[in-house]
PDB file of N, CA and C in Angstrom:
ATOM      1  N   UNK A   1     204.767 195.923 158.655  1.00  0.00           N
ATOM      2  CA  UNK A   1     204.384 194.931 158.150  1.00  0.00           C
ATOM      3  C   UNK A   1     202.968 195.385 158.865  1.00  0.00           C
ATOM      4  N   UNK A   2     201.553 195.565 157.385  1.00  0.00           N
ATOM      5  CA  UNK A   2     200.554 195.409 157.359  1.00  0.00           C
ATOM      6  C   UNK A   2     199.765 194.569 157.146  1.00  0.00           C
ATOM      7  N   UNK A   3     198.729 193.983 157.463  1.00  0.00           N
ATOM      8  CA  UNK A   3     197.757 192.505 157.150  1.00  0.00           C
ATOM      9  C   UNK A   3     196.557 193.448 156.668  1.00  0.00           C
ATOM     10  N   UNK A   4     196.020 192.726 156.133  1.00  0.00           N
ATOM     11  CA  UNK A   4     195.145 192.810 154.972  1.00  0.00           C
ATOM     12  C   UNK A   4     194.066 192.227 155.003  1.00  0.00           C
ATOM     13  N   UNK A   5     192.790 192.416 154.956  1.00  0.00           N
ATOM     14  CA  UNK A   5     191.455 191.533 155.790  1.00  0.00           C
ATOM     15  C   UNK A   5     190.388 192.475 154.823  1.00  0.00           C
ATOM     16  N   UNK A   6     189.857 191.160 153.411  1.00  0.00           N
ATOM     17  CA  UNK A   6     189.131 191.112 152.253  1.00  0.00           C
ATOM     18  C   UNK A   6     188.174 191.204 153.052  1.00  0.00           C
ATOM     19  N   UNK A   7     186.357 191.676 152.796  1.00  0.00           N
ATOM     20  CA  UNK A   7     185.220 191.575 153.079  1.00  0.00           C
ATOM     21  C   UNK A   7     184.352 191.765 151.782  1.00  0.00           C
ATOM     22  N   UNK A   8     183.368 191.266 151.736  1.00  0.00           N
ATOM     23  CA  UNK A   8     182.016 191.838 151.060  1.00  0.00           C
ATOM     24  C   UNK A   8     180.946 191.104 149.604  1.00  0.00           C
ATOM     25  N   UNK A   9     182.481 190.402 149.640  1.00  0.00           N
ATOM     26  CA  UNK A   9     182.385 189.010 148.138  1.00  0.00           C
ATOM     27  C   UNK A   9     180.671 188.517 149.214  1.00  0.00           C
ATOM     28  N   UNK A  10     180.708 187.460 147.700  1.00  0.00           N
ATOM     29  CA  UNK A  10     178.963 187.040 147.710  1.00  0.00           C
ATOM     30  C   UNK A  10     178.756 186.323 146.888  1.00  0.00           C
ATOM     31  N   UNK A  11     177.879 186.506 146.738  1.00  0.00           N
ATOM     32  CA  UNK A  11     176.982 185.509 145.613  1.00  0.00           C
ATOM     33  C   UNK A  11     175.821 186.927 145.003  1.00  0.00           C
ATOM     34  N   UNK A  12     175.882 187.179 143.768  1.00  0.00           N
ATOM     35  CA  UNK A  12     175.652 188.313 142.930  1.00  0.00           C
ATOM     36  C   UNK A  12     175.005 187.634 141.424  1.00  0.00           C
ATOM     37  N   UNK A  13     173.195 188.082 140.903  1.00  0.00           N
ATOM     38  CA  UNK A  13     173.415 188.186 139.963  1.00  0.00           C
ATOM     39  C   UNK A  13     173.394 188.746 138.760  1.00  0.00           C
ATOM     40  N   UNK A  14     174.476 188.405 137.387  1.00  0.00           N
ATOM     41  CA  UNK A  14     174.993 188.799 136.599  1.00  0.00           C
ATOM     42  C   UNK A  14     174.022 190.551 136.699  1.00  0.00           C
ATOM     43  N   UNK A  15     174.932 190.617 136.226  1.00  0.00           N
ATOM     44  CA  UNK A  15     174.232 192.121 136.089  1.00  0.00           C
ATOM     45  C   UNK A  15     174.095 193.392 137.221  1.00  0.00           C
ATOM     46  N   UNK A  16     174.516 192.066 138.041  1.00  0.00           N
ATOM     47  CA  UNK A  16     174.657 193.301 139.801  1.00  0.00           C
ATOM     48  C   UNK A  16     175.824 194.300 139.829  1.00  0.00           C
ATOM     49  N   UNK A  17     175.852 194.340 141.449  1.00  0.00           N
ATOM     50  CA  UNK A  17     176.690 195.250 141.892  1.00  0.00           C
ATOM     51  C   UNK A  17     177.394 194.816 143.652  1.00  0.00           C
ATOM     52  N   UNK A  18     178.630 194.324 143.479  1.00  0.00           N
ATOM     53  CA  UNK A  18     178.470 194.184 145.049  1.00  0.00           C
ATOM     54  C   UNK A  18     179.739 195.494 145.021  1.00  0.00           C
ATOM     55  N   UNK A  19     180.409 195.215 146.404  1.00  0.00           N
ATOM     56  CA  UNK A  19     181.647 196.396 146.966  1.00  0.00           C
ATOM     57  C   UNK A  19     181.933 195.717 147.818  1.00  0.00           C
ATOM     58  N   UNK A  20     183.580 195.769 147.537  1.00  0.00           N
ATOM     59  CA  UNK A  20     184.347 194.524 147.871  1.00  0.00           C
ATOM     60  C   UNK A  20     185.502 195.792 149.121  1.00  0.00           C
ATOM     61  N   UNK A  21     185.847 195.635 150.691  1.00  0.00           N
ATOM     62  CA  UNK A  21     186.229 196.287 150.809  1.00  0.00           C
ATOM     63  C   UNK A  21     187.337 195.092 151.528  1.00  0.00           C
ATOM     64  N   UNK A  22     189.105 196.058 151.732  1.00  0.00           N
ATOM     65  CA  UNK A  22     190.153 195.674 152.364  1.00  0.00           C
ATOM     66  C   UNK A  22     190.738 196.469 153.374  1.00  0.00           C
ATOM     67  N   UNK A  23     190.083 195.632 154.880  1.00  0.00           N
ATOM     68  CA  UNK A  23     191.351 196.851 156.092  1.00  0.00           C
ATOM     69  C   UNK A  23     192.288 196.177 156.177  1.00  0.00           C
ATOM     70  N   UNK A  24     193.542 197.347 156.376  1.00  0.00           N
ATOM     71  CA  UNK A  24     194.692 197.189 156.554  1.00  0.00           C
ATOM     72  C   UNK A  24     194.522 197.587 158.286  1.00  0.00           C
ATOM     73  N   UNK A  25     195.856 196.957 158.651  1.00  0.00           N
ATOM     74  CA  UNK A  25     196.155 196.923 160.267  1.00  0.00           C
ATOM     75  C   UNK A  25     197.713 197.182 160.618  1.00  0.00           C
ATOM     76  N   UNK A  26     197.780 196.785 161.242  1.00  0.00           N
ATOM     77  CA  UNK A  26     199.189 197.055 161.735  1.00  0.00           C
ATOM     78  C   UNK A  26     200.161 198.192 160.992  1.00  0.00           C
ATOM     79  N   UNK A  27     199.847 199.159 159.783  1.00  0.00           N
ATOM     80  CA  UNK A  27     200.533 200.343 159.973  1.00  0.00           C
ATOM     81  C   UNK A  27     199.561 201.055 158.694  1.00  0.00           C
ATOM     82  N   UNK A  28     199.619 202.088 158.636  1.00  0.00           N
ATOM     83  CA  UNK A  28     199.445 202.926 157.715  1.00  0.00           C
ATOM     84  C   UNK A  28     198.698 202.813 156.740  1.00  0.00           C
ATOM     85  N   UNK A  29     197.699 202.945 155.909  1.00  0.00           N
ATOM     86  CA  UNK A  29     197.481 202.666 154.488  1.00  0.00           C
ATOM     87  C   UNK A  29     197.925 203.710 153.882  1.00  0.00           C
ATOM     88  N   UNK A  30     197.781 205.509 154.345  1.00  0.00           N
ATOM     89  CA  UNK A  30     198.783 205.915 153.646  1.00  0.00           C
ATOM     90  C   UNK A  30     200.350 205.705 152.928  1.00  0.00           C
ATOM     91  N   UNK A  31     200.804 205.119 153.430  1.00  0.00           N
ATOM     92  CA  UNK A  31     202.116 204.366 152.926  1.00  0.00           C
ATOM     93  C   UNK A  31     202.272 203.191 152.521  1.00  0.00           C
ATOM     94  N   UNK A  32     201.100 202.371 151.816  1.00  0.00           N
ATOM     95  CA  UNK A  32     200.942 201.630 150.683  1.00  0.00           C
ATOM     96  C   UNK A  32     200.769 202.235 149.481  1.00  0.00           C
ATOM     97  N   UNK A  33     200.749 201.982 148.501  1.00  0.00           N
ATOM     98  CA  UNK A  33     199.718 202.003 147.184  1.00  0.00           C
ATOM     99  C   UNK A  33     199.253 200.300 147.005  1.00  0.00           C
ATOM    100  N   UNK A  34     198.205 200.842 146.425  1.00  0.00           N
ATOM    101  CA  UNK A  34     197.298 199.179 146.895  1.00  0.00           C
ATOM    102  C   UNK A  34     196.670 199.206 145.037  1.00  0.00           C
ATOM    103  N   UNK A  35     196.272 197.976 145.054  1.00  0.00           N
ATOM    104  CA  UNK A  35     195.760 197.280 143.875  1.00  0.00           C
ATOM    105  C   UNK A  35     194.477 196.015 144.663  1.00  0.00           C
ATOM    106  N   UNK A  36     193.859 195.244 143.127  1.00  0.00           N
ATOM    107  CA  UNK A  36     192.813 193.909 143.588  1.00  0.00           C
ATOM    108  C   UNK A  36     193.295 193.601 142.108  1.00  0.00           C
ATOM    109  N   UNK A  37     193.349 191.792 143.206  1.00  0.00           N
ATOM    110  CA  UNK A  37     193.713 190.855 141.917  1.00  0.00           C
ATOM    111  C   UNK A  37     192.193 189.788 142.579  1.00  0.00           C
ATOM    112  N   UNK A  38     192.034 189.182 141.138  1.00  0.00           N
ATOM    113  CA  UNK A  38     190.726 187.740 141.239  1.00  0.00           C
ATOM    114  C   UNK A  38     191.660 186.408 140.661  1.00  0.00           C
ATOM    115  N   UNK A  39     191.413 185.606 140.816  1.00  0.00           N
ATOM    116  CA  UNK A  39     191.560 184.363 140.538  1.00  0.00           C
ATOM    117  C   UNK A  39     190.495 183.583 140.547  1.00  0.00           C
ATOM    118  N   UNK A  40     190.561 182.910 139.084  1.00  0.00           N
ATOM    119  CA  UNK A  40     189.153 182.005 139.263  1.00  0.00           C
ATOM    120  C   UNK A  40     189.502 180.576 139.348  1.00  0.00           C
ATOM    121  N   UNK A  41     189.073 179.463 139.551  1.00  0.00           N
ATOM    122  CA  UNK A  41     189.227 178.783 140.134  1.00  0.00           C
ATOM    123  C   UNK A  41     190.221 178.127 138.579  1.00  0.00           C
ATOM    124  N   UNK A  42     191.346 176.957 138.862  1.00  0.00           N
ATOM    125  CA  UNK A  42     191.959 176.433 137.586  1.00  0.00           C
ATOM    126  C   UNK A  42     193.244 177.909 136.513  1.00  0.00           C
ATOM    127  N   UNK A  43     192.777 178.940 136.643  1.00  0.00           N
ATOM    128  CA  UNK A  43     193.329 179.961 136.004  1.00  0.00           C
ATOM    129  C   UNK A  43     194.436 180.919 137.306  1.00  0.00           C
ATOM    130  N   UNK A  44     195.196 181.618 136.404  1.00  0.00           N
ATOM    131  CA  UNK A  44     195.660 182.167 136.573  1.00  0.00           C
ATOM    132  C   UNK A  44     195.924 184.252 137.777  1.00  0.00           C
ATOM    133  N   UNK A  45     196.466 183.924 138.980  1.00  0.00           N
ATOM    134  CA  UNK A  45     195.437 185.063 139.393  1.00  0.00           C
ATOM    135  C   UNK A  45     196.026 186.438 137.971  1.00  0.00           C
ATOM    136  N   UNK A  46     194.803 186.956 137.819  1.00  0.00           N
ATOM    137  CA  UNK A  46     194.768 188.662 137.668  1.00  0.00           C
ATOM    138  C   UNK A  46     194.929 189.504 137.788  1.00  0.00           C
ATOM    139  N   UNK A  47     194.944 191.220 137.574  1.00  0.00           N
ATOM    140  CA  UNK A  47     194.949 191.669 138.076  1.00  0.00           C
ATOM    141  C   UNK A  47     193.550 192.720 137.762  1.00  0.00           C
ATOM    142  N   UNK A  48     193.341 192.903 138.604  1.00  0.00           N
ATOM    143  CA  UNK A  48     191.743 193.877 138.666  1.00  0.00           C
ATOM    144  C   UNK A  48     191.939 195.697 138.378  1.00  0.00           C
ATOM    145  N   UNK A  49     192.621 196.221 139.305  1.00  0.00           N
ATOM    146  CA  UNK A  49     192.901 197.934 138.890  1.00  0.00           C
ATOM    147  C   UNK A  49     193.696 198.202 140.387  1.00  0.00           C
ATOM    148  N   UNK A  50     194.152 198.875 140.878  1.00  0.00           N
ATOM    149  CA  UNK A  50     195.360 199.374 141.612  1.00  0.00           C
ATOM    150  C   UNK A  50     195.260 200.792 141.950  1.00  0.00           C
ATOM    151  N   UNK A  51     195.575 201.145 143.128  1.00  0.00           N
ATOM    152  CA  UNK A  51     195.390 202.964 143.548  1.00  0.00           C
ATOM    153  C   UNK A  51     196.120 202.680 143.466  1.00  0.00           C
ATOM    154  N   UNK A  52     197.091 204.435 143.732  1.00  0.00           N
ATOM    155  CA  UNK A  52     198.039 205.076 144.404  1.00  0.00           C
ATOM    156  C   UNK A  52     197.576 205.891 145.713  1.00  0.00           C
ATOM    157  N   UNK A  53     199.002 206.094 146.419  1.00  0.00           N
ATOM    158  CA  UNK A  53     199.015 206.144 148.065  1.00  0.00           C
ATOM    159  C   UNK A  53     197.646 207.438 148.188  1.00  0.00           C
ATOM    160  N   UNK A  54     198.087 208.546 148.137  1.00  0.00           N
ATOM    161  CA  UNK A  54     196.628 209.271 147.875  1.00  0.00           C
ATOM    162  C   UNK A  54     196.002 209.014 146.672  1.00  0.00           C
ATOM    163  N   UNK A  55     195.402 208.031 146.228  1.00  0.00           N
ATOM    164  CA  UNK A  55     193.836 207.688 145.611  1.00  0.00           C
ATOM    165  C   UNK A  55     193.595 208.764 143.945  1.00  0.00           C
ATOM    166  N   UNK A  56     194.721 209.682 144.076  1.00  0.00           N
ATOM    167  CA  UNK A  56     195.062 210.565 142.773  1.00  0.00           C
ATOM    168  C   UNK A  56     195.373 210.013 142.168  1.00  0.00           C
ATOM    169  N   UNK A  57     195.969 208.757 141.836  1.00  0.00           N
ATOM    170  CA  UNK A  57     195.880 207.776 140.070  1.00  0.00           C
ATOM    171  C   UNK A  57     195.241 205.917 140.751  1.00  0.00           C
ATOM    172  N   UNK A  58     194.677 206.471 139.442  1.00  0.00           N
ATOM    173  CA  UNK A  58     194.543 204.678 139.265  1.00  0.00           C
ATOM    174  C   UNK A  58     194.960 203.674 137.583  1.00  0.00           C
ATOM    175  N   UNK A  59     194.390 202.552 138.225  1.00  0.00           N
ATOM    176  CA  UNK A  59     195.346 202.508 137.125  1.00  0.00           C
ATOM    177  C   UNK A  59     193.622 200.888 137.289  1.00  0.00           C
ATOM    178  N   UNK A  60     193.431 199.906 136.082  1.00  0.00           N
ATOM    179  CA  UNK A  60     192.536 199.392 135.919  1.00  0.00           C
ATOM    180  C   UNK A  60     192.614 198.297 134.160  1.00  0.00           C
ATOM    181  N   UNK A  61     192.356 197.047 134.722  1.00  0.00           N
ATOM    182  CA  UNK A  61     192.478 196.109 133.719  1.00  0.00           C
ATOM    183  C   UNK A  61     190.812 196.313 132.475  1.00  0.00           C
ATOM    184  N   UNK A  62     191.952 196.351 130.823  1.00  0.00           N
ATOM    185  CA  UNK A  62     190.388 196.459 130.359  1.00  0.00           C
ATOM    186  C   UNK A  62     189.112 195.841 130.761  1.00  0.00           C
ATOM    187  N   UNK A  63     189.498 194.216 131.097  1.00  0.00           N
ATOM    188  CA  UNK A  63     187.963 193.707 131.383  1.00  0.00           C
ATOM    189  C   UNK A  63     186.602 194.371 132.285  1.00  0.00           C
ATOM    190  N   UNK A  64     187.435 195.475 132.942  1.00  0.00           N
ATOM    191  CA  UNK A  64     186.757 196.006 133.911  1.00  0.00           C
ATOM    192  C   UNK A  64     186.745 197.582 133.955  1.00  0.00           C
ATOM    193  N   UNK A  65     187.534 198.227 133.115  1.00  0.00           N
ATOM    194  CA  UNK A  65     187.169 199.102 133.232  1.00  0.00           C
ATOM    195  C   UNK A  65     185.897 200.179 132.520  1.00  0.00           C
ATOM    196  N   UNK A  66     185.453 200.978 133.129  1.00  0.00           N
ATOM    197  CA  UNK A  66     184.213 200.735 133.654  1.00  0.00           C
ATOM    198  C   UNK A  66     183.149 200.671 134.154  1.00  0.00           C
ATOM    199  N   UNK A  67     183.258 199.550 135.197  1.00  0.00           N
ATOM    200  CA  UNK A  67     182.272 198.944 135.037  1.00  0.00           C
ATOM    201  C   UNK A  67     182.579 198.840 136.946  1.00  0.00           C
ATOM    202  N   UNK A  68     183.800 198.745 137.119  1.00  0.00           N
ATOM    203  CA  UNK A  68     184.734 198.903 138.472  1.00  0.00           C
ATOM    204  C   UNK A  68     185.751 199.976 138.820  1.00  0.00           C
ATOM    205  N   UNK A  69     185.441 200.486 139.853  1.00  0.00           N
ATOM    206  CA  UNK A  69     185.720 202.117 140.717  1.00  0.00           C
ATOM    207  C   UNK A  69     186.686 200.955 141.812  1.00  0.00           C
ATOM    208  N   UNK A  70     188.208 201.805 142.167  1.00  0.00           N
ATOM    209  CA  UNK A  70     188.740 201.820 143.054  1.00  0.00           C
ATOM    210  C   UNK A  70     188.830 202.225 143.850  1.00  0.00           C
ATOM    211  N   UNK A  71     188.729 202.619 144.986  1.00  0.00           N
ATOM    212  CA  UNK A  71     188.959 203.825 145.725  1.00  0.00           C
ATOM    213  C   UNK A  71     189.429 204.110 146.675  1.00  0.00           C
ATOM    214  N   UNK A  72     189.994 204.617 147.904  1.00  0.00           N
ATOM    215  CA  UNK A  72     190.421 203.946 149.411  1.00  0.00           C
ATOM    216  C   UNK A  72     190.497 205.453 149.941  1.00  0.00           C
ATOM    217  N   UNK A  73     189.794 205.219 151.398  1.00  0.00           N
ATOM    218  CA  UNK A  73     189.739 206.168 152.528  1.00  0.00           C
ATOM    219  C   UNK A  73     191.079 206.006 153.696  1.00  0.00           C
ATOM    220  N   UNK A  74     191.847 207.186 153.317  1.00  0.00           N
ATOM    221  CA  UNK A  74     192.633 205.976 153.960  1.00  0.00           C
ATOM    222  C   UNK A  74     193.040 206.432 155.861  1.00  0.00           C
ATOM    223  N   UNK A  75     191.742 207.565 156.225  1.00  0.00           N
ATOM    224  CA  UNK A  75     191.461 207.886 157.665  1.00  0.00           C
ATOM    225  C   UNK A  75     191.057 206.862 158.259  1.00  0.00           C
ATOM    226  N   UNK A  76     190.084 205.525 157.242  1.00  0.00           N
ATOM    227  CA  UNK A  76     189.531 204.052 157.869  1.00  0.00           C
ATOM    228  C   UNK A  76     190.024 203.573 157.289  1.00  0.00           C
ATOM    229  N   UNK A  77     191.794 203.793 156.933  1.00  0.00           N
ATOM    230  CA  UNK A  77     192.718 202.563 156.973  1.00  0.00           C
ATOM    231  C   UNK A  77     192.101 201.254 155.729  1.00  0.00           C
ATOM    232  N   UNK A  78     191.042 201.683 154.966  1.00  0.00           N
ATOM    233  CA  UNK A  78     190.814 200.714 153.625  1.00  0.00           C
ATOM    234  C   UNK A  78     190.560 201.175 152.776  1.00  0.00           C
ATOM    235  N   UNK A  79     189.839 199.914 151.332  1.00  0.00           N
ATOM    236  CA  UNK A  79     190.316 200.440 149.900  1.00  0.00           C
ATOM    237  C   UNK A  79     188.724 200.223 149.523  1.00  0.00           C
ATOM    238  N   UNK A  80     188.483 200.137 148.943  1.00  0.00           N
ATOM    239  CA  UNK A  80     187.580 199.641 148.396  1.00  0.00           C
ATOM    240  C   UNK A  80     187.516 198.881 146.793  1.00  0.00           C
ATOM    241  N   UNK A  81     186.449 198.262 146.004  1.00  0.00           N
ATOM    242  CA  UNK A  81     186.320 197.571 144.442  1.00  0.00           C
ATOM    243  C   UNK A  81     184.923 198.040 144.328  1.00  0.00           C
ATOM    244  N   UNK A  82     184.733 198.694 143.985  1.00  0.00           N
ATOM    245  CA  UNK A  82     183.104 198.443 143.923  1.00  0.00           C
ATOM    246  C   UNK A  82     182.789 198.492 142.564  1.00  0.00           C
ATOM    247  N   UNK A  83     182.211 197.449 141.887  1.00  0.00           N
ATOM    248  CA  UNK A  83     181.805 196.341 140.863  1.00  0.00           C
ATOM    249  C   UNK A  83     180.244 196.617 140.443  1.00  0.00           C
ATOM    250  N   UNK A  84     180.262 196.628 139.852  1.00  0.00           N
ATOM    251  CA  UNK A  84     179.271 196.751 139.052  1.00  0.00           C
ATOM    252  C   UNK A  84     178.861 196.292 137.698  1.00  0.00           C
ATOM    253  N   UNK A  85     177.826 196.215 137.198  1.00  0.00           N
ATOM    254  CA  UNK A  85     177.402 195.585 135.532  1.00  0.00           C
ATOM    255  C   UNK A  85     178.126 194.001 136.228  1.00  0.00           C
ATOM    256  N   UNK A  86     177.966 193.063 136.952  1.00  0.00           N
ATOM    257  CA  UNK A  86     179.028 191.830 136.989  1.00  0.00           C
ATOM    258  C   UNK A  86     178.342 190.989 135.847  1.00  0.00           C
ATOM    259  N   UNK A  87     179.848 190.327 135.505  1.00  0.00           N
ATOM    260  CA  UNK A  87     179.420 189.633 134.178  1.00  0.00           C
ATOM    261  C   UNK A  87     179.437 187.400 134.660  1.00  0.00           C
ATOM    262  N   UNK A  88     179.532 187.052 133.477  1.00  0.00           N
ATOM    263  CA  UNK A  88     179.386 185.674 134.022  1.00  0.00           C
ATOM    264  C   UNK A  88     180.892 185.482 134.879  1.00  0.00           C
ATOM    265  N   UNK A  89     181.545 186.236 133.564  1.00  0.00           N
ATOM    266  CA  UNK A  89     183.331 185.915 133.299  1.00  0.00           C
ATOM    267  C   UNK A  89     184.354 186.058 135.014  1.00  0.00           C
ATOM    268  N   UNK A  90     183.144 187.379 135.629  1.00  0.00           N
ATOM    269  CA  UNK A  90     184.164 188.198 136.938  1.00  0.00           C
ATOM    270  C   UNK A  90     183.942 186.867 138.403  1.00  0.00           C
ATOM    271  N   UNK A  91     183.861 186.083 138.420  1.00  0.00           N
ATOM    272  CA  UNK A  91     183.920 185.133 139.605  1.00  0.00           C
ATOM    273  C   UNK A  91     185.209 184.905 139.931  1.00  0.00           C
ATOM    274  N   UNK A  92     185.405 184.841 141.120  1.00  0.00           N
ATOM    275  CA  UNK A  92     186.746 183.945 141.510  1.00  0.00           C
ATOM    276  C   UNK A  92     186.951 184.767 143.183  1.00  0.00           C
ATOM    277  N   UNK A  93     188.135 184.480 143.265  1.00  0.00           N
ATOM    278  CA  UNK A  93     189.133 184.864 144.797  1.00  0.00           C
ATOM    279  C   UNK A  93     189.169 186.015 144.653  1.00  0.00           C
ATOM    280  N   UNK A  94     188.531 187.317 145.049  1.00  0.00           N
ATOM    281  CA  UNK A  94     189.207 189.447 144.357  1.00  0.00           C
ATOM    282  C   UNK A  94     190.470 188.780 146.415  1.00  0.00           C
ATOM    283  N   UNK A  95     191.579 189.259 145.872  1.00  0.00           N
ATOM    284  CA  UNK A  95     192.434 189.428 147.014  1.00  0.00           C
ATOM    285  C   UNK A  95     193.063 191.202 146.856  1.00  0.00           C
ATOM    286  N   UNK A  96     193.667 191.287 148.099  1.00  0.00           N
ATOM    287  CA  UNK A  96     193.361 192.993 147.260  1.00  0.00           C
ATOM    288  C   UNK A  96     195.376 192.920 148.169  1.00  0.00           C
ATOM    289  N   UNK A  97     195.792 194.031 148.124  1.00  0.00           N
ATOM    290  CA  UNK A  97     197.510 193.934 147.761  1.00  0.00           C
ATOM    291  C   UNK A  97     197.887 194.920 148.210  1.00  0.00           C
ATOM    292  N   UNK A  98     199.199 194.818 148.897  1.00  0.00           N
ATOM    293  CA  UNK A  98     199.781 196.403 149.115  1.00  0.00           C
ATOM    294  C   UNK A  98     201.395 196.447 148.824  1.00  0.00           C
ATOM    295  N   UNK A  99     202.143 197.687 148.193  1.00  0.00           N
ATOM    296  CA  UNK A  99     203.565 198.066 148.042  1.00  0.00           C
ATOM    297  C   UNK A  99     203.238 199.064 148.484  1.00  0.00           C
ATOM    298  N   UNK A 100     204.767 198.913 148.998  1.00  0.00           N
ATOM    299  CA  UNK A 100     205.273 200.336 149.352  1.00  0.00           C
ATOM    300  C   UNK A 100     206.998 200.393 148.622  1.00  0.00           C
ATOM    301  N   UNK A 101     206.650 200.171 147.705  1.00  0.00           N
ATOM    302  CA  UNK A 101     207.670 200.407 146.431  1.00  0.00           C
ATOM    303  C   UNK A 101     207.241 201.735 145.577  1.00  0.00           C
ATOM    304  N   UNK A 102     205.761 201.959 145.713  1.00  0.00           N
ATOM    305  CA  UNK A 102     205.653 202.747 144.543  1.00  0.00           C
ATOM    306  C   UNK A 102     204.503 203.770 145.123  1.00  0.00           C
ATOM    307  N   UNK A 103     204.402 205.073 144.984  1.00  0.00           N
ATOM    308  CA  UNK A 103     203.951 206.276 145.238  1.00  0.00           C
ATOM    309  C   UNK A 103     201.944 206.406 144.391  1.00  0.00           C
ATOM    310  N   UNK A 104     202.450 206.326 142.964  1.00  0.00           N
ATOM    311  CA  UNK A 104     201.378 206.209 142.012  1.00  0.00           C
ATOM    312  C   UNK A 104     200.555 205.070 142.168  1.00  0.00           C
ATOM    313  N   UNK A 105     199.757 204.097 141.226  1.00  0.00           N
ATOM    314  CA  UNK A 105     198.898 203.728 140.934  1.00  0.00           C
ATOM    315  C   UNK A 105     200.052 202.359 140.594  1.00  0.00           C
ATOM    316  N   UNK A 106     199.915 201.025 140.935  1.00  0.00           N
ATOM    317  CA  UNK A 106     201.058 200.248 140.286  1.00  0.00           C
ATOM    318  C   UNK A 106     200.763 199.811 139.290  1.00  0.00           C
ATOM    319  N   UNK A 107     201.715 199.342 138.760  1.00  0.00           N
ATOM    320  CA  UNK A 107     201.834 198.166 137.198  1.00  0.00           C
ATOM    321  C   UNK A 107     200.926 196.648 137.827  1.00  0.00           C
ATOM    322  N   UNK A 108     199.805 196.570 136.648  1.00  0.00           N
ATOM    323  CA  UNK A 108     199.119 195.087 136.538  1.00  0.00           C
ATOM    324  C   UNK A 108     200.389 193.704 137.313  1.00  0.00           C
ATOM    325  N   UNK A 109     201.420 193.915 137.719  1.00  0.00           N
ATOM    326  CA  UNK A 109     202.044 192.749 138.121  1.00  0.00           C
ATOM    327  C   UNK A 109     202.069 192.177 139.051  1.00  0.00           C
ATOM    328  N   UNK A 110     202.278 191.002 139.938  1.00  0.00           N
ATOM    329  CA  UNK A 110     201.417 190.599 141.240  1.00  0.00           C
ATOM    330  C   UNK A 110     202.875 190.659 141.379  1.00  0.00           C
ATOM    331  N   UNK A 111     203.694 190.373 140.832  1.00  0.00           N
ATOM    332  CA  UNK A 111     204.933 190.849 141.968  1.00  0.00           C
ATOM    333  C   UNK A 111     205.680 192.320 142.990  1.00  0.00           C
ATOM    334  N   UNK A 112     204.407 193.282 142.183  1.00  0.00           N
ATOM    335  CA  UNK A 112     204.918 194.276 142.573  1.00  0.00           C
ATOM    336  C   UNK A 112     204.708 194.805 143.863  1.00  0.00           C
ATOM    337  N   UNK A 113     203.857 193.761 144.507  1.00  0.00           N
ATOM    338  CA  UNK A 113     203.595 194.108 145.921  1.00  0.00           C
ATOM    339  C   UNK A 113     203.942 192.839 146.944  1.00  0.00           C
ATOM    340  N   UNK A 114     204.172 192.849 147.981  1.00  0.00           N
ATOM    341  CA  UNK A 114     204.886 192.904 148.999  1.00  0.00           C
ATOM    342  C   UNK A 114     203.483 191.827 150.003  1.00  0.00           C
ATOM    343  N   UNK A 115     202.255 191.850 150.783  1.00  0.00           N
ATOM    344  CA  UNK A 115     201.367 191.957 151.418  1.00  0.00           C
ATOM    345  C   UNK A 115     200.190 191.647 150.604  1.00  0.00           C
ATOM    346  N   UNK A 116     199.523 190.970 151.146  1.00  0.00           N
ATOM    347  CA  UNK A 116     198.380 190.433 150.382  1.00  0.00           C
ATOM    348  C   UNK A 116     196.987 189.784 151.349  1.00  0.00           C
ATOM    349  N   UNK A 117     195.884 190.182 151.134  1.00  0.00           N
ATOM    350  CA  UNK A 117     195.249 189.432 151.873  1.00  0.00           C
ATOM    351  C   UNK A 117     195.133 188.338 151.423  1.00  0.00           C
ATOM    352  N   UNK A 118     193.852 187.240 152.585  1.00  0.00           N
ATOM    353  CA  UNK A 118     193.388 186.247 151.770  1.00  0.00           C
ATOM    354  C   UNK A 118     192.030 185.666 150.701  1.00  0.00           C
ATOM    355  N   UNK A 119     192.071 186.613 151.198  1.00  0.00           N
ATOM    356  CA  UNK A 119     190.544 186.868 149.687  1.00  0.00           C
ATOM    357  C   UNK A 119     189.154 186.728 150.171  1.00  0.00           C
ATOM    358  N   UNK A 120     189.041 187.183 148.995  1.00  0.00           N
ATOM    359  CA  UNK A 120     186.972 186.976 149.698  1.00  0.00           C
ATOM    360  C   UNK A 120     186.191 186.937 148.664  1.00  0.00           C
ATOM    361  N   UNK A 121     185.473 185.684 148.058  1.00  0.00           N
ATOM    362  CA  UNK A 121     184.838 185.038 146.912  1.00  0.00           C
ATOM    363  C   UNK A 121     183.919 185.497 146.413  1.00  0.00           C
ATOM    364  N   UNK A 122     183.772 186.131 145.709  1.00  0.00           N
ATOM    365  CA  UNK A 122     182.729 186.570 144.724  1.00  0.00           C
ATOM    366  C   UNK A 122     181.976 185.513 143.541  1.00  0.00           C
ATOM    367  N   UNK A 123     180.262 185.152 143.568  1.00  0.00           N
ATOM    368  CA  UNK A 123     179.938 184.277 142.368  1.00  0.00           C
ATOM    369  C   UNK A 123     179.099 184.989 141.892  1.00  0.00           C
ATOM    370  N   UNK A 124     178.807 184.723 140.469  1.00  0.00           N
ATOM    371  CA  UNK A 124     177.921 185.688 139.775  1.00  0.00           C
ATOM    372  C   UNK A 124     176.918 184.432 139.064  1.00  0.00           C
ATOM    373  N   UNK A 125     176.333 184.288 139.757  1.00  0.00           N
ATOM    374  CA  UNK A 125     175.023 183.547 138.764  1.00  0.00           C
ATOM    375  C   UNK A 125     174.233 183.885 137.775  1.00  0.00           C
ATOM    376  N   UNK A 126     174.255 183.532 136.406  1.00  0.00           N
ATOM    377  CA  UNK A 126     173.895 184.159 134.745  1.00  0.00           C
ATOM    378  C   UNK A 126     172.177 184.134 135.060  1.00  0.00           C
TER     379      UNK A 126
END
């Protein structure tokens, strides 16, 4: 079983950038395809991006395409979400998730994922 811990959240101005990290422990990260989701208060959890085990395949929500980049460093057991050009609609708790059932980038469905981190908060000021 893998444990996931997110970090890197914080307060940023609209148009700014943040990089989130998701550190894995307990199992080798390369055995999991990974995803990032976010949840704003009063809203459902929504898919942001996913990446396959090797990092060669990625998938993005239309709302973040061109602004966010998901990547991974399996040697460091870490997945990243580089967020640029942040908008007022981007805030929320950001969660990383893992699934051992996929090799490529998983589809944007939260039920695909078996393991979740506790989340890191992102706030965007206008």
